[in-house]
N, C-alpha and C. Protein backbone atom coordinates (compact mmCIF):
# COMPACT_ATOMS: atom_id res chain seq x y z
N MET A 1 -3.19 -62.86 -11.24
CA MET A 1 -1.76 -62.61 -11.26
C MET A 1 -1.30 -62.15 -12.65
N LEU A 2 -1.81 -62.82 -13.69
CA LEU A 2 -1.44 -62.44 -15.05
C LEU A 2 -1.90 -61.02 -15.36
N LYS A 3 -3.10 -60.67 -14.90
CA LYS A 3 -3.62 -59.33 -15.13
C LYS A 3 -2.73 -58.30 -14.43
N PHE A 4 -2.30 -58.59 -13.20
CA PHE A 4 -1.43 -57.69 -12.46
C PHE A 4 -0.10 -57.51 -13.19
N THR A 5 0.49 -58.60 -13.68
CA THR A 5 1.76 -58.55 -14.39
C THR A 5 1.64 -57.71 -15.66
N LYS A 6 0.56 -57.88 -16.40
CA LYS A 6 0.35 -57.08 -17.61
C LYS A 6 0.22 -55.60 -17.25
N SER A 7 -0.45 -55.30 -16.16
CA SER A 7 -0.61 -53.90 -15.73
C SER A 7 0.74 -53.29 -15.37
N VAL A 8 1.55 -54.04 -14.64
CA VAL A 8 2.87 -53.54 -14.24
C VAL A 8 3.74 -53.31 -15.49
N LEU A 9 3.71 -54.27 -16.43
CA LEU A 9 4.48 -54.11 -17.65
C LEU A 9 4.02 -52.90 -18.45
N LEU A 10 2.72 -52.69 -18.52
CA LEU A 10 2.19 -51.54 -19.24
C LEU A 10 2.66 -50.24 -18.60
N VAL A 11 2.63 -50.16 -17.28
CA VAL A 11 3.09 -48.97 -16.57
C VAL A 11 4.59 -48.75 -16.82
N LEU A 12 5.39 -49.81 -16.73
CA LEU A 12 6.83 -49.69 -16.95
C LEU A 12 7.15 -49.25 -18.37
N MET A 13 6.34 -49.70 -19.33
CA MET A 13 6.55 -49.29 -20.71
C MET A 13 6.16 -47.83 -20.91
N MET A 14 5.23 -47.33 -20.11
CA MET A 14 4.77 -45.96 -20.26
C MET A 14 5.69 -44.94 -19.59
N VAL A 15 6.51 -45.38 -18.63
CA VAL A 15 7.36 -44.45 -17.88
C VAL A 15 8.24 -43.61 -18.79
N PRO A 16 8.96 -44.21 -19.77
CA PRO A 16 9.76 -43.35 -20.65
C PRO A 16 8.91 -42.35 -21.43
N ALA A 17 7.75 -42.77 -21.88
CA ALA A 17 6.88 -41.85 -22.62
C ALA A 17 6.39 -40.73 -21.73
N LEU A 18 6.06 -41.04 -20.47
CA LEU A 18 5.63 -40.01 -19.54
C LEU A 18 6.76 -39.04 -19.25
N ALA A 19 7.97 -39.56 -19.09
CA ALA A 19 9.13 -38.69 -18.84
C ALA A 19 9.35 -37.75 -20.01
N MET A 20 9.20 -38.26 -21.22
CA MET A 20 9.38 -37.42 -22.40
C MET A 20 8.29 -36.35 -22.44
N ALA A 21 7.09 -36.72 -22.04
CA ALA A 21 5.99 -35.76 -22.06
C ALA A 21 6.21 -34.64 -21.06
N LYS A 22 6.96 -34.92 -19.97
CA LYS A 22 7.22 -33.91 -18.96
C LYS A 22 8.42 -33.05 -19.29
N GLY A 23 8.99 -33.20 -20.46
CA GLY A 23 10.08 -32.33 -20.86
C GLY A 23 11.45 -32.98 -20.84
N ALA A 24 11.55 -34.23 -20.42
CA ALA A 24 12.84 -34.91 -20.46
C ALA A 24 13.26 -35.07 -21.91
N LYS A 25 14.56 -35.02 -22.14
CA LYS A 25 15.06 -35.10 -23.51
C LYS A 25 15.72 -36.45 -23.74
N ALA A 26 15.38 -37.06 -24.84
CA ALA A 26 15.99 -38.33 -25.21
C ALA A 26 17.42 -38.06 -25.67
N PRO A 27 18.31 -39.00 -25.41
CA PRO A 27 19.69 -38.82 -25.87
C PRO A 27 19.76 -38.68 -27.39
N GLY A 28 20.72 -37.91 -27.85
CA GLY A 28 20.93 -37.76 -29.28
C GLY A 28 21.60 -39.02 -29.84
N GLU A 29 21.87 -39.00 -31.12
CA GLU A 29 22.45 -40.16 -31.79
C GLU A 29 23.97 -40.12 -31.82
N ALA A 30 24.56 -38.92 -31.77
CA ALA A 30 26.01 -38.77 -31.86
C ALA A 30 26.58 -38.45 -30.48
N THR A 31 27.88 -38.73 -30.31
CA THR A 31 28.54 -38.41 -29.05
C THR A 31 28.89 -36.93 -28.99
N ILE A 32 29.28 -36.48 -27.81
CA ILE A 32 29.70 -35.09 -27.62
C ILE A 32 30.83 -34.75 -28.59
N TYR A 33 31.81 -35.62 -28.67
CA TYR A 33 32.95 -35.37 -29.57
C TYR A 33 32.51 -35.31 -31.03
N GLN A 34 31.65 -36.24 -31.45
CA GLN A 34 31.18 -36.24 -32.84
C GLN A 34 30.42 -34.96 -33.18
N ILE A 35 29.56 -34.52 -32.27
CA ILE A 35 28.80 -33.30 -32.50
C ILE A 35 29.74 -32.10 -32.61
N ALA A 36 30.69 -32.00 -31.68
CA ALA A 36 31.65 -30.88 -31.70
C ALA A 36 32.46 -30.90 -32.98
N LYS A 37 32.90 -32.07 -33.41
CA LYS A 37 33.72 -32.18 -34.61
C LYS A 37 32.93 -31.81 -35.86
N ASP A 38 31.67 -32.21 -35.93
CA ASP A 38 30.85 -31.97 -37.11
C ASP A 38 30.22 -30.58 -37.15
N ASP A 39 30.16 -29.89 -36.02
CA ASP A 39 29.43 -28.63 -35.92
C ASP A 39 30.07 -27.49 -36.70
N GLY A 40 31.39 -27.37 -36.65
CA GLY A 40 32.06 -26.30 -37.36
C GLY A 40 32.40 -25.09 -36.51
N ARG A 41 31.76 -24.94 -35.35
CA ARG A 41 32.06 -23.81 -34.46
C ARG A 41 33.14 -24.13 -33.45
N PHE A 42 33.58 -25.39 -33.40
CA PHE A 42 34.46 -25.84 -32.32
C PHE A 42 35.77 -26.44 -32.82
N THR A 43 36.34 -25.93 -33.90
CA THR A 43 37.55 -26.55 -34.44
C THR A 43 38.73 -26.45 -33.48
N VAL A 44 38.86 -25.35 -32.77
CA VAL A 44 39.95 -25.21 -31.79
C VAL A 44 39.73 -26.19 -30.63
N LEU A 45 38.52 -26.23 -30.11
CA LEU A 45 38.20 -27.16 -29.02
C LEU A 45 38.49 -28.60 -29.43
N VAL A 46 38.05 -28.99 -30.62
CA VAL A 46 38.27 -30.36 -31.10
C VAL A 46 39.76 -30.64 -31.21
N SER A 47 40.51 -29.69 -31.74
CA SER A 47 41.95 -29.87 -31.87
C SER A 47 42.61 -30.07 -30.51
N LEU A 48 42.20 -29.28 -29.52
CA LEU A 48 42.76 -29.41 -28.18
C LEU A 48 42.33 -30.71 -27.51
N LEU A 49 41.10 -31.13 -27.74
CA LEU A 49 40.63 -32.43 -27.22
C LEU A 49 41.49 -33.55 -27.79
N GLU A 50 41.75 -33.50 -29.08
CA GLU A 50 42.58 -34.53 -29.72
C GLU A 50 44.02 -34.48 -29.22
N GLN A 51 44.55 -33.28 -29.02
CA GLN A 51 45.91 -33.11 -28.52
C GLN A 51 46.09 -33.75 -27.15
N THR A 52 45.09 -33.63 -26.30
CA THR A 52 45.19 -34.11 -24.92
C THR A 52 44.64 -35.53 -24.73
N GLY A 53 44.00 -36.08 -25.75
CA GLY A 53 43.41 -37.41 -25.63
C GLY A 53 42.02 -37.40 -25.02
N LEU A 54 41.49 -36.23 -24.71
CA LEU A 54 40.15 -36.15 -24.13
C LEU A 54 39.06 -36.42 -25.16
N ASP A 55 39.42 -36.41 -26.44
CA ASP A 55 38.45 -36.76 -27.48
C ASP A 55 37.93 -38.18 -27.28
N VAL A 56 38.79 -39.07 -26.82
CA VAL A 56 38.40 -40.46 -26.59
C VAL A 56 37.36 -40.53 -25.47
N VAL A 57 37.55 -39.74 -24.42
CA VAL A 57 36.61 -39.72 -23.30
C VAL A 57 35.25 -39.20 -23.76
N LEU A 58 35.25 -38.09 -24.50
CA LEU A 58 33.99 -37.48 -24.92
C LEU A 58 33.37 -38.17 -26.13
N ASP A 59 34.03 -39.21 -26.60
CA ASP A 59 33.47 -40.06 -27.65
C ASP A 59 33.06 -41.41 -27.07
N GLY A 60 33.18 -41.54 -25.75
CA GLY A 60 32.92 -42.81 -25.07
C GLY A 60 31.53 -42.90 -24.49
N LYS A 61 31.40 -43.79 -23.51
CA LYS A 61 30.09 -44.12 -22.96
C LYS A 61 29.70 -43.34 -21.71
N GLY A 62 30.63 -42.67 -21.06
CA GLY A 62 30.27 -41.91 -19.86
C GLY A 62 29.31 -40.78 -20.19
N GLN A 63 28.64 -40.25 -19.18
CA GLN A 63 27.70 -39.14 -19.35
C GLN A 63 28.36 -37.86 -18.84
N TYR A 64 28.42 -36.85 -19.71
CA TYR A 64 29.08 -35.60 -19.37
C TYR A 64 28.26 -34.41 -19.85
N THR A 65 28.51 -33.27 -19.23
CA THR A 65 28.01 -31.99 -19.73
C THR A 65 29.22 -31.14 -20.04
N VAL A 66 29.27 -30.63 -21.26
CA VAL A 66 30.40 -29.83 -21.71
C VAL A 66 29.92 -28.42 -22.00
N PHE A 67 30.58 -27.44 -21.40
CA PHE A 67 30.37 -26.04 -21.72
C PHE A 67 31.42 -25.73 -22.79
N ALA A 68 31.00 -25.75 -24.06
CA ALA A 68 31.92 -25.74 -25.19
C ALA A 68 32.15 -24.34 -25.74
N PRO A 69 33.36 -23.80 -25.54
CA PRO A 69 33.67 -22.49 -26.12
C PRO A 69 33.78 -22.59 -27.64
N THR A 70 33.28 -21.59 -28.31
CA THR A 70 33.37 -21.52 -29.76
C THR A 70 34.78 -21.10 -30.18
N ASP A 71 35.04 -21.21 -31.47
CA ASP A 71 36.32 -20.75 -32.00
C ASP A 71 36.52 -19.27 -31.72
N ALA A 72 35.46 -18.49 -31.82
CA ALA A 72 35.55 -17.04 -31.52
C ALA A 72 35.97 -16.82 -30.07
N ALA A 73 35.47 -17.65 -29.16
CA ALA A 73 35.85 -17.53 -27.74
C ALA A 73 37.34 -17.80 -27.56
N PHE A 74 37.85 -18.83 -28.23
CA PHE A 74 39.29 -19.10 -28.15
C PHE A 74 40.08 -17.97 -28.78
N GLY A 75 39.58 -17.38 -29.87
CA GLY A 75 40.24 -16.23 -30.49
C GLY A 75 40.34 -15.06 -29.54
N ASP A 76 39.26 -14.80 -28.81
CA ASP A 76 39.26 -13.71 -27.82
C ASP A 76 40.29 -13.97 -26.72
N LEU A 77 40.35 -15.23 -26.26
CA LEU A 77 41.31 -15.57 -25.20
C LEU A 77 42.75 -15.42 -25.71
N ILE A 78 43.01 -15.90 -26.90
CA ILE A 78 44.36 -15.80 -27.46
C ILE A 78 44.75 -14.33 -27.63
N ALA A 79 43.82 -13.51 -28.08
CA ALA A 79 44.10 -12.07 -28.22
C ALA A 79 44.41 -11.44 -26.87
N ALA A 80 43.63 -11.78 -25.85
CA ALA A 80 43.85 -11.23 -24.51
C ALA A 80 45.19 -11.69 -23.93
N LEU A 81 45.53 -12.96 -24.14
CA LEU A 81 46.80 -13.48 -23.64
C LEU A 81 47.97 -12.81 -24.36
N THR A 82 47.83 -12.59 -25.66
CA THR A 82 48.88 -11.94 -26.44
C THR A 82 49.10 -10.51 -25.96
N ILE A 83 48.01 -9.78 -25.75
CA ILE A 83 48.11 -8.41 -25.24
C ILE A 83 48.79 -8.39 -23.87
N ALA A 84 48.51 -9.42 -23.07
CA ALA A 84 49.10 -9.50 -21.73
C ALA A 84 50.55 -9.98 -21.75
N GLY A 85 51.06 -10.26 -22.95
CA GLY A 85 52.46 -10.66 -23.07
C GLY A 85 52.71 -12.14 -22.82
N GLN A 86 51.68 -12.95 -22.82
CA GLN A 86 51.85 -14.39 -22.60
C GLN A 86 52.34 -15.07 -23.88
N ASP A 87 53.11 -16.12 -23.72
CA ASP A 87 53.56 -16.93 -24.86
C ASP A 87 52.47 -17.96 -25.14
N VAL A 88 51.55 -17.63 -26.05
CA VAL A 88 50.40 -18.48 -26.34
C VAL A 88 50.82 -19.85 -26.85
N ASN A 89 51.84 -19.90 -27.70
CA ASN A 89 52.30 -21.19 -28.22
C ASN A 89 52.80 -22.10 -27.11
N ALA A 90 53.51 -21.53 -26.14
CA ALA A 90 54.00 -22.32 -25.01
C ALA A 90 52.82 -22.85 -24.18
N LEU A 91 51.83 -21.99 -23.94
CA LEU A 91 50.66 -22.42 -23.18
C LEU A 91 49.90 -23.54 -23.90
N LEU A 92 49.71 -23.37 -25.21
CA LEU A 92 48.95 -24.37 -25.96
C LEU A 92 49.71 -25.68 -26.14
N SER A 93 51.01 -25.66 -26.01
CA SER A 93 51.77 -26.91 -26.12
C SER A 93 51.96 -27.59 -24.77
N ASP A 94 51.54 -26.95 -23.70
CA ASP A 94 51.62 -27.52 -22.35
C ASP A 94 50.36 -28.36 -22.10
N ASN A 95 50.48 -29.67 -22.32
CA ASN A 95 49.29 -30.54 -22.22
C ASN A 95 48.66 -30.54 -20.84
N ASP A 96 49.45 -30.39 -19.78
CA ASP A 96 48.87 -30.32 -18.44
C ASP A 96 47.98 -29.09 -18.30
N PHE A 97 48.47 -27.95 -18.77
CA PHE A 97 47.68 -26.71 -18.72
C PHE A 97 46.42 -26.84 -19.57
N VAL A 98 46.57 -27.31 -20.80
CA VAL A 98 45.43 -27.43 -21.70
C VAL A 98 44.40 -28.41 -21.14
N THR A 99 44.86 -29.53 -20.59
CA THR A 99 43.95 -30.52 -20.00
C THR A 99 43.17 -29.90 -18.84
N ASP A 100 43.87 -29.14 -17.99
CA ASP A 100 43.21 -28.48 -16.87
C ASP A 100 42.13 -27.51 -17.35
N VAL A 101 42.46 -26.72 -18.37
CA VAL A 101 41.48 -25.77 -18.92
C VAL A 101 40.30 -26.53 -19.51
N LEU A 102 40.56 -27.57 -20.29
CA LEU A 102 39.46 -28.33 -20.91
C LEU A 102 38.57 -28.99 -19.85
N LEU A 103 39.17 -29.57 -18.82
CA LEU A 103 38.37 -30.23 -17.77
C LEU A 103 37.58 -29.23 -16.94
N TYR A 104 37.96 -27.95 -17.01
CA TYR A 104 37.21 -26.89 -16.34
C TYR A 104 35.92 -26.56 -17.10
N HIS A 105 35.75 -27.18 -18.25
CA HIS A 105 34.54 -26.99 -19.06
C HIS A 105 33.65 -28.23 -19.06
N VAL A 106 33.99 -29.23 -18.25
CA VAL A 106 33.25 -30.50 -18.27
C VAL A 106 32.84 -30.88 -16.86
N THR A 107 31.60 -31.34 -16.73
CA THR A 107 31.12 -31.89 -15.47
C THR A 107 30.47 -33.24 -15.75
N GLY A 108 30.40 -34.07 -14.74
CA GLY A 108 29.79 -35.39 -14.92
C GLY A 108 28.27 -35.29 -15.00
N GLY A 109 27.67 -36.20 -15.74
CA GLY A 109 26.22 -36.29 -15.84
C GLY A 109 25.65 -35.40 -16.93
N ARG A 110 24.34 -35.52 -17.12
CA ARG A 110 23.61 -34.75 -18.12
C ARG A 110 22.95 -33.56 -17.43
N ARG A 111 23.39 -32.36 -17.74
CA ARG A 111 22.83 -31.14 -17.14
C ARG A 111 22.27 -30.25 -18.24
N PHE A 112 20.95 -30.27 -18.37
CA PHE A 112 20.31 -29.40 -19.34
C PHE A 112 20.21 -27.99 -18.76
N SER A 113 20.01 -27.02 -19.63
CA SER A 113 20.05 -25.62 -19.21
C SER A 113 19.06 -25.31 -18.09
N ASN A 114 17.90 -25.96 -18.10
CA ASN A 114 16.92 -25.66 -17.05
C ASN A 114 17.38 -26.13 -15.67
N SER A 115 18.33 -27.04 -15.60
CA SER A 115 18.87 -27.43 -14.30
C SER A 115 20.11 -26.64 -13.94
N VAL A 116 20.81 -26.11 -14.95
CA VAL A 116 22.00 -25.31 -14.69
C VAL A 116 21.59 -23.90 -14.29
N VAL A 117 20.62 -23.34 -15.00
CA VAL A 117 20.16 -21.98 -14.75
C VAL A 117 18.77 -22.07 -14.14
N ASN A 118 18.71 -21.98 -12.84
CA ASN A 118 17.44 -22.08 -12.14
C ASN A 118 17.43 -21.01 -11.06
N SER A 119 16.65 -19.97 -11.28
CA SER A 119 16.68 -18.83 -10.35
C SER A 119 16.19 -19.20 -8.96
N PHE A 120 15.46 -20.30 -8.84
CA PHE A 120 14.96 -20.71 -7.53
C PHE A 120 15.96 -21.60 -6.80
N ASP A 121 16.92 -22.15 -7.54
CA ASP A 121 17.85 -23.10 -6.95
C ASP A 121 19.22 -22.99 -7.63
N PRO A 122 19.97 -21.91 -7.34
CA PRO A 122 21.29 -21.76 -7.98
C PRO A 122 22.18 -22.95 -7.63
N LYS A 123 22.98 -23.36 -8.58
CA LYS A 123 23.81 -24.55 -8.42
C LYS A 123 25.29 -24.19 -8.38
N ALA A 124 26.01 -24.86 -7.53
CA ALA A 124 27.47 -24.86 -7.59
C ALA A 124 27.83 -26.17 -8.29
N ILE A 125 28.41 -26.06 -9.46
CA ILE A 125 28.70 -27.24 -10.27
C ILE A 125 30.19 -27.52 -10.21
N GLU A 126 30.54 -28.71 -9.75
CA GLU A 126 31.96 -29.08 -9.71
C GLU A 126 32.36 -29.62 -11.07
N MET A 127 33.39 -29.01 -11.62
CA MET A 127 33.90 -29.41 -12.92
C MET A 127 34.92 -30.53 -12.72
N LEU A 128 35.28 -31.22 -13.80
CA LEU A 128 36.16 -32.38 -13.67
C LEU A 128 37.58 -32.03 -13.25
N ASN A 129 37.97 -30.76 -13.32
CA ASN A 129 39.30 -30.39 -12.82
C ASN A 129 39.25 -30.00 -11.34
N GLY A 130 38.05 -30.08 -10.73
CA GLY A 130 37.89 -29.72 -9.33
C GLY A 130 37.43 -28.29 -9.10
N GLY A 131 37.44 -27.46 -10.14
CA GLY A 131 36.95 -26.08 -10.03
C GLY A 131 35.44 -26.05 -9.90
N ILE A 132 34.94 -24.90 -9.49
CA ILE A 132 33.50 -24.72 -9.28
C ILE A 132 32.97 -23.64 -10.22
N VAL A 133 31.83 -23.92 -10.84
CA VAL A 133 31.11 -22.94 -11.64
C VAL A 133 29.75 -22.78 -10.97
N ILE A 134 29.31 -21.55 -10.78
CA ILE A 134 28.06 -21.29 -10.06
C ILE A 134 27.05 -20.64 -10.98
N SER A 135 25.84 -21.19 -11.00
CA SER A 135 24.80 -20.58 -11.82
C SER A 135 24.38 -19.26 -11.19
N ASN A 136 24.01 -18.33 -12.02
CA ASN A 136 23.59 -17.01 -11.58
C ASN A 136 22.12 -17.08 -11.17
N PRO A 137 21.80 -16.85 -9.91
CA PRO A 137 20.41 -16.98 -9.46
C PRO A 137 19.48 -15.95 -10.06
N GLU A 138 20.02 -14.90 -10.67
CA GLU A 138 19.19 -13.86 -11.28
C GLU A 138 18.95 -14.11 -12.77
N ALA A 139 19.58 -15.14 -13.33
CA ALA A 139 19.53 -15.35 -14.77
C ALA A 139 18.30 -16.13 -15.20
N THR A 140 17.93 -15.94 -16.44
CA THR A 140 16.95 -16.79 -17.10
C THR A 140 17.67 -17.46 -18.25
N LEU A 141 17.01 -18.36 -18.94
CA LEU A 141 17.68 -19.09 -20.01
C LEU A 141 18.11 -18.20 -21.16
N THR A 142 17.54 -17.02 -21.29
CA THR A 142 17.91 -16.14 -22.39
C THR A 142 18.78 -14.97 -21.94
N ASP A 143 19.04 -14.86 -20.65
CA ASP A 143 19.87 -13.77 -20.14
C ASP A 143 21.35 -13.99 -20.47
N THR A 144 22.09 -12.89 -20.38
CA THR A 144 23.54 -13.02 -20.44
C THR A 144 24.04 -13.24 -19.01
N ASN A 145 25.33 -13.49 -18.90
CA ASN A 145 25.95 -13.72 -17.59
C ASN A 145 25.30 -14.87 -16.84
N VAL A 146 25.14 -15.97 -17.53
CA VAL A 146 24.42 -17.10 -16.97
C VAL A 146 25.24 -17.81 -15.90
N LEU A 147 26.51 -17.97 -16.14
CA LEU A 147 27.36 -18.68 -15.18
C LEU A 147 28.54 -17.81 -14.82
N THR A 148 29.06 -18.03 -13.65
CA THR A 148 30.31 -17.38 -13.29
C THR A 148 31.23 -18.45 -12.70
N SER A 149 32.47 -18.43 -13.09
CA SER A 149 33.41 -19.42 -12.59
C SER A 149 34.02 -18.93 -11.29
N ASP A 150 34.71 -19.83 -10.59
CA ASP A 150 35.37 -19.39 -9.36
C ASP A 150 36.53 -18.45 -9.67
N ALA A 151 36.92 -18.35 -10.94
CA ALA A 151 37.93 -17.37 -11.35
C ALA A 151 37.29 -16.03 -11.70
N GLY A 152 35.97 -15.98 -11.64
CA GLY A 152 35.28 -14.72 -11.85
C GLY A 152 34.86 -14.43 -13.27
N LEU A 153 35.14 -15.31 -14.21
CA LEU A 153 34.80 -15.07 -15.61
C LEU A 153 33.33 -15.40 -15.86
N LEU A 154 32.66 -14.55 -16.62
CA LEU A 154 31.26 -14.77 -16.93
C LEU A 154 31.10 -15.49 -18.26
N ILE A 155 30.11 -16.35 -18.33
CA ILE A 155 29.74 -17.00 -19.58
C ILE A 155 28.50 -16.28 -20.08
N ASP A 156 28.57 -15.70 -21.27
CA ASP A 156 27.48 -14.87 -21.78
C ASP A 156 26.58 -15.62 -22.76
N GLU A 157 25.52 -14.93 -23.14
CA GLU A 157 24.62 -15.34 -24.21
C GLU A 157 23.79 -16.58 -23.90
N GLY A 158 23.60 -16.92 -22.66
CA GLY A 158 22.72 -18.04 -22.33
C GLY A 158 23.32 -19.37 -22.74
N LEU A 159 22.57 -20.40 -22.51
CA LEU A 159 23.03 -21.75 -22.81
C LEU A 159 22.18 -22.35 -23.91
N VAL A 160 22.81 -23.12 -24.77
CA VAL A 160 22.11 -23.84 -25.82
C VAL A 160 22.37 -25.32 -25.60
N ASP A 161 21.31 -26.09 -25.45
CA ASP A 161 21.46 -27.53 -25.26
C ASP A 161 21.64 -28.23 -26.60
N LEU A 162 22.76 -28.92 -26.77
CA LEU A 162 22.93 -29.85 -27.87
C LEU A 162 22.95 -31.22 -27.22
N ASN A 163 21.95 -32.01 -27.51
CA ASN A 163 21.76 -33.29 -26.85
C ASN A 163 22.58 -34.38 -27.54
N ALA A 164 23.49 -34.99 -26.81
CA ALA A 164 24.35 -36.03 -27.35
C ALA A 164 23.98 -37.39 -26.74
N LYS A 165 24.49 -38.42 -27.37
CA LYS A 165 24.27 -39.78 -26.87
C LYS A 165 24.88 -39.94 -25.48
N ASN A 166 25.98 -39.26 -25.22
CA ASN A 166 26.68 -39.41 -23.96
C ASN A 166 26.70 -38.14 -23.12
N GLY A 167 25.70 -37.27 -23.32
CA GLY A 167 25.63 -36.08 -22.48
C GLY A 167 25.02 -34.89 -23.19
N VAL A 168 25.45 -33.71 -22.76
CA VAL A 168 24.89 -32.46 -23.25
C VAL A 168 26.03 -31.49 -23.53
N ILE A 169 25.88 -30.71 -24.60
CA ILE A 169 26.82 -29.64 -24.90
C ILE A 169 26.08 -28.32 -24.75
N HIS A 170 26.69 -27.38 -24.04
CA HIS A 170 26.20 -26.02 -23.97
C HIS A 170 27.20 -25.14 -24.72
N VAL A 171 26.74 -24.44 -25.73
CA VAL A 171 27.59 -23.56 -26.51
C VAL A 171 27.80 -22.28 -25.70
N ILE A 172 29.08 -21.93 -25.47
CA ILE A 172 29.37 -20.71 -24.71
C ILE A 172 30.32 -19.83 -25.51
N ASP A 173 30.35 -18.56 -25.19
CA ASP A 173 31.18 -17.63 -25.96
C ASP A 173 32.34 -17.06 -25.16
N ALA A 174 32.80 -17.82 -24.18
CA ALA A 174 33.99 -17.44 -23.42
C ALA A 174 34.71 -18.71 -23.00
N VAL A 175 36.02 -18.62 -22.86
CA VAL A 175 36.81 -19.75 -22.39
C VAL A 175 37.04 -19.54 -20.90
N LEU A 176 36.70 -20.55 -20.12
CA LEU A 176 36.96 -20.49 -18.69
C LEU A 176 38.43 -20.86 -18.45
N VAL A 177 39.11 -20.07 -17.66
CA VAL A 177 40.50 -20.36 -17.32
C VAL A 177 40.57 -20.51 -15.80
N PRO A 178 40.93 -21.71 -15.35
CA PRO A 178 40.96 -21.93 -13.89
C PRO A 178 42.03 -21.10 -13.19
């Protein structure tokens, strides 16, 4: 009996090591919010997270995947909205609108790029605002146009996994607007 128990314990101790050997990624040390705040490419995103209170969620214990637009992506969106005659200041001060847009970039659980972009098994990913983002079945991890939202906007330049304690960040160069 003792020999059996030692064998079971040895196997249970090896499971995490075996998972790591098969390509599983260990959680990072910082939270999604901490990584975004410290990175330097996401100052607009961080500001909007703080404005809406979602910084607390992404600094917490839940597991999330965030498709994080860079500052350049927000700049492109602001330029496009301005050209279209939209009042950008009014939109950015509307917390309901901003929260909806931000939650359109977040899904529950840890989704690494190899599970998001899988040409053999395209995924429809439900975002926390209820919108759907669909992986492109023709894409590879280095292709452009990796995801398309139900609003038809493409996310370019592939996905980059930033592994956080409470999930995964994918750096994207477009802002999804539901």
